[in-house]
Amino acid sequence: GSCVKIVATVSRTRAEGICQHPGEEIVDG
């Protein structure tokens, strides 16, 4: 809801994790 812009869509890839923060709980699988 607050990050409505999708700036990329990725699949099975590596990225650099800068930091992590709690937010909306996602439920999947």
PDB file of all heavy atoms in Angstrom:
ATOM      1  N   GLY A   1       0.792  -1.222   0.000  1.00  0.00           N
ATOM      2  CA  GLY A   1       0.000   0.000   0.000  1.00  0.00           C
ATOM      3  C   GLY A   1       0.822   1.268   0.000  1.00  0.00           C
ATOM      4  O   GLY A   1       0.448   2.256  -0.625  1.00  0.00           O
ATOM      5  N   SER A   2       1.961   1.272   0.708  1.00  0.00           N
ATOM      6  CA  SER A   2       2.776   2.485   0.774  1.00  0.00           C
ATOM      7  C   SER A   2       3.866   2.519  -0.291  1.00  0.00           C
ATOM      8  O   SER A   2       4.340   3.591  -0.646  1.00  0.00           O
ATOM      9  CB  SER A   2       3.395   2.648   2.170  1.00  0.00           C
ATOM     10  OG  SER A   2       4.276   1.588   2.452  1.00  0.00           O
ATOM     11  N   CYS A   3       4.267   1.386  -0.789  1.00  0.00           N
ATOM     12  CA  CYS A   3       5.294   1.301  -1.831  1.00  0.00           C
ATOM     13  C   CYS A   3       4.612   0.837  -3.119  1.00  0.00           C
ATOM     14  O   CYS A   3       4.829  -0.282  -3.593  1.00  0.00           O
ATOM     15  CB  CYS A   3       6.398   0.334  -1.429  1.00  0.00           C
ATOM     16  SG  CYS A   3       7.212   0.731   0.133  1.00  0.00           S
ATOM     17  N   VAL A   4       3.773   1.702  -3.670  1.00  0.00           N
ATOM     18  CA  VAL A   4       2.923   1.284  -4.785  1.00  0.00           C
ATOM     19  C   VAL A   4       3.675   1.159  -6.107  1.00  0.00           C
ATOM     20  O   VAL A   4       3.256   0.416  -6.982  1.00  0.00           O
ATOM     21  CB  VAL A   4       1.711   2.229  -4.958  1.00  0.00           C
ATOM     22  CG1 VAL A   4       0.807   2.138  -3.743  1.00  0.00           C
ATOM     23  CG2 VAL A   4       2.158   3.662  -5.192  1.00  0.00           C
ATOM     24  N   LYS A   5       4.802   1.870  -6.238  1.00  0.00           N
ATOM     25  CA  LYS A   5       5.559   1.785  -7.490  1.00  0.00           C
ATOM     26  C   LYS A   5       6.337   0.479  -7.558  1.00  0.00           C
ATOM     27  O   LYS A   5       7.124   0.168  -6.663  1.00  0.00           O
ATOM     28  CB  LYS A   5       6.543   2.940  -7.613  1.00  0.00           C
ATOM     29  CG  LYS A   5       5.946   4.233  -8.050  1.00  0.00           C
ATOM     30  CD  LYS A   5       7.049   5.229  -8.251  1.00  0.00           C
ATOM     31  CE  LYS A   5       6.663   6.157  -9.366  1.00  0.00           C
ATOM     32  NZ  LYS A   5       7.738   7.098  -9.646  1.00  0.00           N
ATOM     33  N   ILE A   6       6.119  -0.287  -8.606  1.00  0.00           N
ATOM     34  CA  ILE A   6       6.920  -1.485  -8.850  1.00  0.00           C
ATOM     35  C   ILE A   6       8.049  -1.046  -9.770  1.00  0.00           C
ATOM     36  O   ILE A   6       7.819  -0.706 -10.929  1.00  0.00           O
ATOM     37  CB  ILE A   6       6.065  -2.604  -9.469  1.00  0.00           C
ATOM     38  CG1 ILE A   6       4.977  -3.019  -8.474  1.00  0.00           C
ATOM     39  CG2 ILE A   6       6.944  -3.791  -9.861  1.00  0.00           C
ATOM     40  CD1 ILE A   6       3.950  -3.961  -9.029  1.00  0.00           C
ATOM     41  N   VAL A   7       9.267  -0.993  -9.229  1.00  0.00           N
ATOM     42  CA  VAL A   7      10.403  -0.477  -9.986  1.00  0.00           C
ATOM     43  C   VAL A   7      11.126  -1.566 -10.765  1.00  0.00           C
ATOM     44  O   VAL A   7      11.945  -1.267 -11.627  1.00  0.00           O
ATOM     45  CB  VAL A   7      11.387   0.305  -9.078  1.00  0.00           C
ATOM     46  CG1 VAL A   7      10.706   1.544  -8.497  1.00  0.00           C
ATOM     47  CG2 VAL A   7      11.927  -0.568  -7.948  1.00  0.00           C
ATOM     48  N   ALA A   8      10.834  -2.838 -10.446  1.00  0.00           N
ATOM     49  CA  ALA A   8      11.424  -3.967 -11.174  1.00  0.00           C
ATOM     50  C   ALA A   8      10.656  -5.229 -10.801  1.00  0.00           C
ATOM     51  O   ALA A   8       9.973  -5.276  -9.780  1.00  0.00           O
ATOM     52  CB  ALA A   8      12.901  -4.136 -10.819  1.00  0.00           C
ATOM     53  N   THR A   9      10.759  -6.227 -11.650  1.00  0.00           N
ATOM     54  CA  THR A   9      10.255  -7.568 -11.357  1.00  0.00           C
ATOM     55  C   THR A   9      11.411  -8.517 -11.630  1.00  0.00           C
ATOM     56  O   THR A   9      12.001  -8.475 -12.709  1.00  0.00           O
ATOM     57  CB  THR A   9       9.037  -7.908 -12.239  1.00  0.00           C
ATOM     58  OG1 THR A   9       8.015  -6.940 -11.983  1.00  0.00           O
ATOM     59  CG2 THR A   9       8.500  -9.281 -11.914  1.00  0.00           C
ATOM     60  N   VAL A  10      11.759  -9.338 -10.636  1.00  0.00           N
ATOM     61  CA  VAL A  10      12.945 -10.192 -10.745  1.00  0.00           C
ATOM     62  C   VAL A  10      12.585 -11.650 -10.501  1.00  0.00           C
ATOM     63  O   VAL A  10      11.566 -11.956  -9.879  1.00  0.00           O
ATOM     64  CB  VAL A  10      14.046  -9.740  -9.762  1.00  0.00           C
ATOM     65  CG1 VAL A  10      14.532  -8.346 -10.103  1.00  0.00           C
ATOM     66  CG2 VAL A  10      13.561  -9.790  -8.328  1.00  0.00           C
ATOM     67  N   SER A  11      13.424 -12.543 -10.982  1.00  0.00           N
ATOM     68  CA  SER A  11      13.247 -13.982 -10.798  1.00  0.00           C
ATOM     69  C   SER A  11      14.597 -14.636 -10.555  1.00  0.00           C
ATOM     70  O   SER A  11      15.546 -14.402 -11.310  1.00  0.00           O
ATOM     71  CB  SER A  11      12.623 -14.601 -12.051  1.00  0.00           C
ATOM     72  OG  SER A  11      11.356 -14.083 -12.308  1.00  0.00           O
ATOM     73  N   ARG A  12      14.653 -15.428  -9.491  1.00  0.00           N
ATOM     74  CA  ARG A  12      15.839 -16.248  -9.207  1.00  0.00           C
ATOM     75  C   ARG A  12      17.141 -15.520  -9.522  1.00  0.00           C
ATOM     76  O   ARG A  12      17.876 -15.897 -10.429  1.00  0.00           O
ATOM     77  CB  ARG A  12      15.745 -17.553  -9.966  1.00  0.00           C
ATOM     78  CG  ARG A  12      14.571 -18.380  -9.523  1.00  0.00           C
ATOM     79  CD  ARG A  12      14.516 -19.713 -10.221  1.00  0.00           C
ATOM     80  NE  ARG A  12      13.342 -20.428  -9.752  1.00  0.00           N
ATOM     81  CZ  ARG A  12      12.559 -21.142 -10.529  1.00  0.00           C
ATOM     82  NH1 ARG A  12      12.837 -21.285 -11.799  1.00  0.00           N
ATOM     83  NH2 ARG A  12      11.500 -21.743 -10.031  1.00  0.00           N
ATOM     84  N   THR A  13      17.421 -14.511  -8.728  1.00  0.00           N
ATOM     85  CA  THR A  13      18.602 -13.689  -8.976  1.00  0.00           C
ATOM     86  C   THR A  13      19.238 -13.252  -7.669  1.00  0.00           C
ATOM     87  O   THR A  13      18.631 -13.347  -6.607  1.00  0.00           O
ATOM     88  CB  THR A  13      18.229 -12.453  -9.830  1.00  0.00           C
ATOM     89  OG1 THR A  13      19.418 -11.799 -10.246  1.00  0.00           O
ATOM     90  CG2 THR A  13      17.358 -11.474  -9.063  1.00  0.00           C
ATOM     91  N   ARG A  14      20.445 -12.778  -7.757  1.00  0.00           N
ATOM     92  CA  ARG A  14      21.156 -12.226  -6.601  1.00  0.00           C
ATOM     93  C   ARG A  14      21.017 -10.716  -6.610  1.00  0.00           C
ATOM     94  O   ARG A  14      20.901 -10.099  -7.663  1.00  0.00           O
ATOM     95  CB  ARG A  14      22.639 -12.594  -6.641  1.00  0.00           C
ATOM     96  CG  ARG A  14      22.866 -14.056  -6.387  1.00  0.00           C
ATOM     97  CD  ARG A  14      24.219 -14.300  -5.710  1.00  0.00           C
ATOM     98  NE  ARG A  14      24.226 -15.609  -5.090  1.00  0.00           N
ATOM     99  CZ  ARG A  14      23.803 -15.871  -3.860  1.00  0.00           C
ATOM    100  NH1 ARG A  14      23.346 -14.921  -3.102  1.00  0.00           N
ATOM    101  NH2 ARG A  14      23.841 -17.095  -3.379  1.00  0.00           N
ATOM    102  N   ALA A  15      21.038 -10.154  -5.417  1.00  0.00           N
ATOM    103  CA  ALA A  15      21.000  -8.703  -5.237  1.00  0.00           C
ATOM    104  C   ALA A  15      21.770  -8.382  -3.966  1.00  0.00           C
ATOM    105  O   ALA A  15      22.156  -9.292  -3.223  1.00  0.00           O
ATOM    106  CB  ALA A  15      19.563  -8.215  -5.132  1.00  0.00           C
ATOM    107  N   GLU A  16      22.004  -7.111  -3.734  1.00  0.00           N
ATOM    108  CA  GLU A  16      22.689  -6.684  -2.520  1.00  0.00           C
ATOM    109  C   GLU A  16      21.644  -6.247  -1.505  1.00  0.00           C
ATOM    110  O   GLU A  16      20.841  -5.353  -1.786  1.00  0.00           O
ATOM    111  CB  GLU A  16      23.644  -5.542  -2.820  1.00  0.00           C
ATOM    112  CG  GLU A  16      24.784  -5.940  -3.729  1.00  0.00           C
ATOM    113  CD  GLU A  16      25.692  -4.772  -4.053  1.00  0.00           C
ATOM    114  OE1 GLU A  16      25.906  -3.913  -3.170  1.00  0.00           O
ATOM    115  OE2 GLU A  16      26.176  -4.718  -5.189  1.00  0.00           O
ATOM    116  N   GLY A  17      21.639  -6.873  -0.338  1.00  0.00           N
ATOM    117  CA  GLY A  17      20.740  -6.485   0.742  1.00  0.00           C
ATOM    118  C   GLY A  17      21.363  -5.348   1.522  1.00  0.00           C
ATOM    119  O   GLY A  17      22.391  -5.530   2.168  1.00  0.00           O
ATOM    120  N   ILE A  18      20.771  -4.164   1.450  1.00  0.00           N
ATOM    121  CA  ILE A  18      21.306  -2.983   2.130  1.00  0.00           C
ATOM    122  C   ILE A  18      20.924  -3.009   3.605  1.00  0.00           C
ATOM    123  O   ILE A  18      21.754  -2.839   4.485  1.00  0.00           O
ATOM    124  CB  ILE A  18      20.814  -1.697   1.450  1.00  0.00           C
ATOM    125  CG1 ILE A  18      21.337  -1.646   0.012  1.00  0.00           C
ATOM    126  CG2 ILE A  18      21.236  -0.465   2.234  1.00  0.00           C
ATOM    127  CD1 ILE A  18      20.716  -0.567  -0.853  1.00  0.00           C
ATOM    128  N   CYS A  19      19.630  -3.210   3.878  1.00  0.00           N
ATOM    129  CA  CYS A  19      19.148  -3.315   5.259  1.00  0.00           C
ATOM    130  C   CYS A  19      17.749  -3.911   5.238  1.00  0.00           C
ATOM    131  O   CYS A  19      17.140  -4.035   4.167  1.00  0.00           O
ATOM    132  CB  CYS A  19      19.157  -1.952   5.960  1.00  0.00           C
ATOM    133  SG  CYS A  19      18.027  -0.720   5.283  1.00  0.00           S
ATOM    134  N   GLN A  20      17.243  -4.305   6.414  1.00  0.00           N
ATOM    135  CA  GLN A  20      15.896  -4.874   6.491  1.00  0.00           C
ATOM    136  C   GLN A  20      15.101  -4.176   7.581  1.00  0.00           C
ATOM    137  O   GLN A  20      15.668  -3.667   8.555  1.00  0.00           O
ATOM    138  CB  GLN A  20      15.940  -6.384   6.670  1.00  0.00           C
ATOM    139  CG  GLN A  20      16.769  -6.906   7.806  1.00  0.00           C
ATOM    140  CD  GLN A  20      16.960  -8.408   7.734  1.00  0.00           C
ATOM    141  OE1 GLN A  20      16.155  -9.151   7.197  1.00  0.00           O
ATOM    142  NE2 GLN A  20      18.057  -8.883   8.309  1.00  0.00           N
ATOM    143  N   HIS A  21      13.770  -4.145   7.373  1.00  0.00           N
ATOM    144  CA  HIS A  21      12.887  -3.388   8.257  1.00  0.00           C
ATOM    145  C   HIS A  21      11.516  -4.073   8.305  1.00  0.00           C
ATOM    146  O   HIS A  21      11.064  -4.591   7.282  1.00  0.00           O
ATOM    147  CB  HIS A  21      12.743  -1.963   7.695  1.00  0.00           C
ATOM    148  CG  HIS A  21      12.140  -0.993   8.639  1.00  0.00           C
ATOM    149  ND1 HIS A  21      12.773  -0.551   9.769  1.00  0.00           N
ATOM    150  CD2 HIS A  21      10.948  -0.361   8.612  1.00  0.00           C
ATOM    151  CE1 HIS A  21      11.997   0.318  10.395  1.00  0.00           C
ATOM    152  NE2 HIS A  21      10.871   0.446   9.708  1.00  0.00           N
ATOM    153  N   PRO A  22      10.854  -4.075   9.459  1.00  0.00           N
ATOM    154  CA  PRO A  22       9.527  -4.677   9.509  1.00  0.00           C
ATOM    155  C   PRO A  22       8.497  -3.823   8.774  1.00  0.00           C
ATOM    156  O   PRO A  22       8.599  -2.596   8.746  1.00  0.00           O
ATOM    157  CB  PRO A  22       9.213  -4.752  11.005  1.00  0.00           C
ATOM    158  CG  PRO A  22      10.101  -3.755  11.653  1.00  0.00           C
ATOM    159  CD  PRO A  22      11.306  -3.621  10.776  1.00  0.00           C
ATOM    160  N   GLY A  23       7.523  -4.482   8.169  1.00  0.00           N
ATOM    161  CA  GLY A  23       6.458  -3.797   7.447  1.00  0.00           C
ATOM    162  C   GLY A  23       5.246  -4.697   7.354  1.00  0.00           C
ATOM    163  O   GLY A  23       4.996  -5.519   8.238  1.00  0.00           O
ATOM    164  N   GLU A  24       4.512  -4.570   6.250  1.00  0.00           N
ATOM    165  CA  GLU A  24       3.308  -5.371   6.040  1.00  0.00           C
ATOM    166  C   GLU A  24       3.647  -6.865   6.045  1.00  0.00           C
ATOM    167  O   GLU A  24       4.608  -7.295   5.417  1.00  0.00           O
ATOM    168  CB  GLU A  24       2.680  -5.011   4.695  1.00  0.00           C
ATOM    169  CG  GLU A  24       1.502  -5.879   4.324  1.00  0.00           C
ATOM    170  CD  GLU A  24       1.012  -5.662   2.897  1.00  0.00           C
ATOM    171  OE1 GLU A  24       1.731  -5.039   2.077  1.00  0.00           O
ATOM    172  OE2 GLU A  24      -0.079  -6.150   2.595  1.00  0.00           O
ATOM    173  N   GLU A  25       2.842  -7.639   6.744  1.00  0.00           N
ATOM    174  CA  GLU A  25       3.031  -9.088   6.731  1.00  0.00           C
ATOM    175  C   GLU A  25       2.497  -9.655   5.415  1.00  0.00           C
ATOM    176  O   GLU A  25       1.367  -9.392   5.033  1.00  0.00           O
ATOM    177  CB  GLU A  25       2.312  -9.746   7.900  1.00  0.00           C
ATOM    178  CG  GLU A  25       2.540 -11.244   7.955  1.00  0.00           C
ATOM    179  CD  GLU A  25       1.894 -11.887   9.152  1.00  0.00           C
ATOM    180  OE1 GLU A  25       0.642 -11.940   9.192  1.00  0.00           O
ATOM    181  OE2 GLU A  25       2.636 -12.319  10.045  1.00  0.00           O
ATOM    182  N   ILE A  26       3.334 -10.424   4.735  1.00  0.00           N
ATOM    183  CA  ILE A  26       2.961 -11.076   3.488  1.00  0.00           C
ATOM    184  C   ILE A  26       2.759 -12.563   3.780  1.00  0.00           C
ATOM    185  O   ILE A  26       3.554 -13.175   4.497  1.00  0.00           O
ATOM    186  CB  ILE A  26       4.055 -10.878   2.408  1.00  0.00           C
ATOM    187  CG1 ILE A  26       4.272  -9.390   2.122  1.00  0.00           C
ATOM    188  CG2 ILE A  26       3.715 -11.652   1.142  1.00  0.00           C
ATOM    189  CD1 ILE A  26       3.074  -8.666   1.540  1.00  0.00           C
ATOM    190  N   VAL A  27       1.703 -13.130   3.218  1.00  0.00           N
ATOM    191  CA  VAL A  27       1.407 -14.554   3.368  1.00  0.00           C
ATOM    192  C   VAL A  27       1.412 -15.156   1.970  1.00  0.00           C
ATOM    193  O   VAL A  27       0.733 -14.667   1.070  1.00  0.00           O
ATOM    194  CB  VAL A  27       0.035 -14.785   4.045  1.00  0.00           C
ATOM    195  CG1 VAL A  27      -0.264 -16.262   4.144  1.00  0.00           C
ATOM    196  CG2 VAL A  27      -0.012 -14.108   5.405  1.00  0.00           C
ATOM    197  N   ASP A  28       2.226 -16.206   1.777  1.00  0.00           N
ATOM    198  CA  ASP A  28       2.320 -16.856   0.468  1.00  0.00           C
ATOM    199  C   ASP A  28       2.790 -18.290   0.666  1.00  0.00           C
ATOM    200  O   ASP A  28       3.767 -18.529   1.389  1.00  0.00           O
ATOM    201  CB  ASP A  28       3.289 -16.087  -0.428  1.00  0.00           C
ATOM    202  CG  ASP A  28       3.208 -16.497  -1.897  1.00  0.00           C
ATOM    203  OD1 ASP A  28       2.385 -17.376  -2.237  1.00  0.00           O
ATOM    204  OD2 ASP A  28       3.965 -15.936  -2.699  1.00  0.00           O
ATOM    205  N   GLY A  29       2.114 -19.227   0.037  1.00  0.00           N
ATOM    206  CA  GLY A  29       2.517 -20.630   0.076  1.00  0.00           C
ATOM    207  C   GLY A  29       2.585 -21.217   1.469  1.00  0.00           C
ATOM    208  O   GLY A  29       3.428 -22.074   1.737  1.00  0.00           O
TER     209      GLY A  29
END
